[in-house]
């Protein structure tokens, strides 16, 4: 479970940093043409929006 907890914690931190740099980043995710660049799929983005 430690690895999962670390992953979730790191993802939450990463998400927070992205939103601080670009407040509309997650809200406008669907408008981006190259979402795969960030390595995220739709369920991951939905999770990060709720963190």
C-alpha atoms as a PDB file:
ATOM      1  CA  UNK A   1       0.000   0.000   0.000  1.00  0.00           C
ATOM      2  CA  UNK A   2       2.917   2.357   0.545  1.00  0.00           C
ATOM      3  CA  UNK A   3       3.607   2.566  -3.198  1.00  0.00           C
ATOM      4  CA  UNK A   4      -0.028   3.379  -3.946  1.00  0.00           C
ATOM      5  CA  UNK A   5      -0.128   6.031  -1.218  1.00  0.00           C
ATOM      6  CA  UNK A   6       3.047   7.579  -2.615  1.00  0.00           C
ATOM      7  CA  UNK A   7       1.623   7.538  -6.135  1.00  0.00           C
ATOM      8  CA  UNK A   8      -1.609   9.206  -5.044  1.00  0.00           C
ATOM      9  CA  UNK A   9       0.278  11.792  -3.004  1.00  0.00           C
ATOM     10  CA  UNK A  10       2.628  12.572  -5.885  1.00  0.00           C
ATOM     11  CA  UNK A  11      -0.269  12.827  -8.329  1.00  0.00           C
ATOM     12  CA  UNK A  12      -2.098  15.225  -6.037  1.00  0.00           C
ATOM     13  CA  UNK A  13       1.021  17.386  -5.720  1.00  0.00           C
ATOM     14  CA  UNK A  14       1.576  17.318  -9.487  1.00  0.00           C
ATOM     15  CA  UNK A  15      -2.060  18.267 -10.093  1.00  0.00           C
ATOM     16  CA  UNK A  16      -1.836  21.149  -7.625  1.00  0.00           C
ATOM     17  CA  UNK A  17       1.319  22.457  -9.301  1.00  0.00           C
ATOM     18  CA  UNK A  18      -0.305  22.304 -12.753  1.00  0.00           C
ATOM     19  CA  UNK A  19      -3.372  24.173 -11.549  1.00  0.00           C
ATOM     20  CA  UNK A  20      -1.223  26.828  -9.857  1.00  0.00           C
ATOM     21  CA  UNK A  21       0.600  27.392 -13.159  1.00  0.00           C
ATOM     22  CA  UNK A  22      -2.587  27.271 -15.238  1.00  0.00           C
ATOM     23  CA  UNK A  23      -5.839  27.501 -13.232  1.00  0.00           C
ATOM     24  CA  UNK A  24      -7.900  26.304 -16.193  1.00  0.00           C
ATOM     25  CA  UNK A  25      -5.675  23.326 -16.984  1.00  0.00           C
ATOM     26  CA  UNK A  26      -8.000  20.555 -15.798  1.00  0.00           C
ATOM     27  CA  UNK A  27     -11.203  22.371 -16.760  1.00  0.00           C
ATOM     28  CA  UNK A  28      -9.928  22.810 -20.325  1.00  0.00           C
ATOM     29  CA  UNK A  29      -8.335  19.370 -20.628  1.00  0.00           C
ATOM     30  CA  UNK A  30     -10.852  18.168 -23.218  1.00  0.00           C
ATOM     31  CA  UNK A  31      -9.927  21.078 -25.512  1.00  0.00           C
ATOM     32  CA  UNK A  32      -6.266  20.084 -25.737  1.00  0.00           C
ATOM     33  CA  UNK A  33      -5.240  18.274 -28.882  1.00  0.00           C
ATOM     34  CA  UNK A  34      -2.300  16.328 -27.465  1.00  0.00           C
ATOM     35  CA  UNK A  35      -3.510  15.007 -24.109  1.00  0.00           C
ATOM     36  CA  UNK A  36      -1.302  11.925 -24.425  1.00  0.00           C
ATOM     37  CA  UNK A  37       1.725  14.180 -24.033  1.00  0.00           C
ATOM     38  CA  UNK A  38       1.002  14.409 -20.321  1.00  0.00           C
ATOM     39  CA  UNK A  39       0.503  10.662 -20.015  1.00  0.00           C
ATOM     40  CA  UNK A  40      -2.962  10.989 -18.502  1.00  0.00           C
ATOM     41  CA  UNK A  41      -6.154   9.313 -19.505  1.00  0.00           C
ATOM     42  CA  UNK A  42      -9.685  10.541 -18.827  1.00  0.00           C
ATOM     43  CA  UNK A  43     -10.242   8.582 -15.557  1.00  0.00           C
ATOM     44  CA  UNK A  44      -6.976   9.935 -14.152  1.00  0.00           C
ATOM     45  CA  UNK A  45      -7.930  13.503 -15.006  1.00  0.00           C
ATOM     46  CA  UNK A  46     -11.358  13.015 -13.423  1.00  0.00           C
ATOM     47  CA  UNK A  47      -9.658  11.729 -10.277  1.00  0.00           C
ATOM     48  CA  UNK A  48      -7.234  14.645 -10.174  1.00  0.00           C
ATOM     49  CA  UNK A  49     -10.065  17.148 -10.492  1.00  0.00           C
ATOM     50  CA  UNK A  50     -11.566  15.757  -7.291  1.00  0.00           C
ATOM     51  CA  UNK A  51      -8.363  15.775  -5.225  1.00  0.00           C
END
